[in-house]
Amino acid sequence: MDSGLGDGAGRLPKEERVNQQPEEESEFREEARRSPGAYGFVHPAQERASRLAERMRDSLAAAGFDVERDFPRMRGDITASNEPFLTFGRVSPDVGERLADLLGQAFGHTALPGTLGRRPARAAAA
């Protein structure tokens, strides 16, 4: 019996649809994050989070990252208690390694496997 749903002709294979995000949807979400809330204003915490996300995008782009590709879900947001925070989303291992290298260079050390969260030993005072 025919379900009336058709045979799926013209649709992309499932593996291609899973990772596809329509550009219009992305633009809609970005606009929704920046638009005034229900009472006609943007909460100061949301403004702060959004400014931080823009600053982070600019800094990562200046460091050579393709921000739209490498951090597609980065955004500023707020918690239910109106605390601002930055969401990076998932990043690939290659992007993670590049980011770790960049931070290591900024702090004058190279991160080694198994050393996450540990501070490098400081040189003894002479």
Protein backbone atom coordinates (compact mmCIF):
# COMPACT_ATOMS: atom_id res chain seq x y z
CA MET A 1 0.00 0.00 0.00
CA ASP A 2 1.29 3.46 -0.90
CA SER A 3 1.96 5.70 2.11
CA GLY A 4 1.67 8.85 0.05
CA LEU A 5 5.13 9.97 1.14
CA GLY A 6 6.74 9.30 -2.21
CA ASP A 7 9.97 7.47 -2.87
CA GLY A 8 12.26 10.25 -1.66
CA ALA A 9 13.26 11.17 -5.21
CA GLY A 10 15.17 14.42 -5.35
CA ARG A 11 16.33 14.22 -1.75
CA LEU A 12 19.98 14.09 -0.71
CA PRO A 13 21.29 10.81 0.73
CA LYS A 14 20.95 10.74 4.53
CA GLU A 15 24.70 11.10 5.17
CA GLU A 16 24.73 14.34 3.15
CA ARG A 17 21.63 15.73 4.91
CA VAL A 18 22.95 15.10 8.43
CA ASN A 19 25.78 17.65 8.22
CA GLN A 20 23.98 20.17 6.05
CA GLN A 21 22.74 23.35 7.71
CA PRO A 22 20.73 25.68 5.49
CA GLU A 23 22.30 29.14 5.26
CA GLU A 24 18.91 30.75 5.84
CA GLU A 25 18.50 28.84 9.11
CA SER A 26 21.95 29.95 10.29
CA GLU A 27 21.16 33.58 9.44
CA PHE A 28 17.76 33.28 11.15
CA ARG A 29 19.35 31.97 14.36
CA GLU A 30 21.97 34.73 14.35
CA GLU A 31 19.30 37.39 13.88
CA ALA A 32 17.17 35.86 16.63
CA ARG A 33 20.09 36.03 19.05
CA ARG A 34 20.56 39.74 18.35
CA SER A 35 16.91 40.76 18.24
CA PRO A 36 15.11 42.33 21.19
CA GLY A 37 13.50 39.95 23.66
CA ALA A 38 9.84 39.63 24.50
CA TYR A 39 9.81 43.00 26.28
CA GLY A 40 11.51 44.94 23.49
CA PHE A 41 15.08 45.01 24.82
CA VAL A 42 18.16 42.83 24.82
CA HIS A 43 19.32 41.85 28.30
CA PRO A 44 22.72 43.41 29.16
CA ALA A 45 24.14 39.93 29.79
CA GLN A 46 23.09 38.89 26.27
CA GLU A 47 24.72 42.01 24.84
CA ARG A 48 27.93 41.22 26.72
CA ALA A 49 27.92 37.60 25.55
CA SER A 50 27.27 38.64 21.94
CA ARG A 51 30.09 41.22 22.05
CA LEU A 52 32.43 38.58 23.48
CA ALA A 53 31.51 36.15 20.68
CA GLU A 54 32.24 38.83 18.06
CA ARG A 55 35.56 39.67 19.72
CA MET A 56 36.48 35.97 19.84
CA ARG A 57 35.55 35.54 16.16
CA ASP A 58 37.74 38.53 15.23
CA SER A 59 40.68 37.24 17.29
CA LEU A 60 40.46 33.72 15.88
CA ALA A 61 40.21 35.09 12.33
CA ALA A 62 43.29 37.25 12.95
CA ALA A 63 45.10 34.10 14.13
CA GLY A 64 44.34 32.43 10.79
CA PHE A 65 41.24 30.39 11.59
CA ASP A 66 38.33 30.19 9.16
CA VAL A 67 35.85 30.95 11.92
CA GLU A 68 32.69 30.09 9.98
CA ARG A 69 34.12 26.68 9.09
CA ASP A 70 36.19 25.92 12.20
CA PHE A 71 33.71 27.20 14.82
CA PRO A 72 30.31 27.08 13.07
CA ARG A 73 28.28 27.06 16.28
CA MET A 74 30.17 29.67 18.29
CA ARG A 75 27.79 32.12 19.92
CA GLY A 76 27.27 34.26 22.96
CA ASP A 77 24.38 33.20 25.15
CA ILE A 78 22.98 33.53 28.66
CA THR A 79 21.95 31.04 31.31
CA ALA A 80 18.49 30.88 32.85
CA SER A 81 19.84 33.14 35.62
CA ASN A 82 21.08 35.69 33.04
CA GLU A 83 24.79 34.87 33.32
CA PRO A 84 26.64 35.45 30.02
CA PHE A 85 28.70 32.65 28.51
CA LEU A 86 30.37 31.73 25.25
CA THR A 87 29.57 28.49 23.42
CA PHE A 88 32.25 27.20 21.07
CA GLY A 89 30.39 24.09 19.97
CA ARG A 90 32.25 21.07 18.66
CA VAL A 91 35.61 21.50 16.98
CA SER A 92 37.55 18.98 14.92
CA PRO A 93 40.75 17.49 16.31
CA ASP A 94 42.78 19.50 13.77
CA VAL A 95 41.18 22.76 14.91
CA GLY A 96 41.65 21.75 18.55
CA GLU A 97 45.34 21.09 17.98
CA ARG A 98 45.80 24.41 16.20
CA LEU A 99 44.02 26.19 19.06
CA ALA A 100 46.14 24.37 21.67
CA ASP A 101 49.31 25.31 19.77
CA LEU A 102 48.21 28.95 19.62
CA LEU A 103 47.52 29.05 23.35
CA GLY A 104 50.81 27.29 24.06
CA GLN A 105 52.69 29.89 22.04
CA ALA A 106 50.88 32.70 23.84
CA PHE A 107 51.96 31.32 27.23
CA GLY A 108 55.44 30.29 26.17
CA HIS A 109 55.08 26.53 26.40
CA THR A 110 54.05 23.57 24.30
CA ALA A 111 51.21 21.43 25.54
CA LEU A 112 52.19 17.78 25.74
CA PRO A 113 49.77 14.84 25.83
CA GLY A 114 48.54 14.24 29.37
CA THR A 115 49.40 17.72 30.63
CA LEU A 116 46.02 19.40 30.20
CA GLY A 117 45.15 21.56 33.16
CA ARG A 118 48.68 21.52 34.58
CA ARG A 119 50.71 24.67 34.78
CA PRO A 120 54.27 24.57 33.47
CA ALA A 121 56.93 24.57 36.17
CA ARG A 122 58.26 28.04 36.84
CA ALA A 123 61.96 28.69 36.67
CA ALA A 124 63.61 29.07 40.05
CA ALA A 125 64.42 32.65 40.98
CA ALA A 126 68.12 33.40 40.62
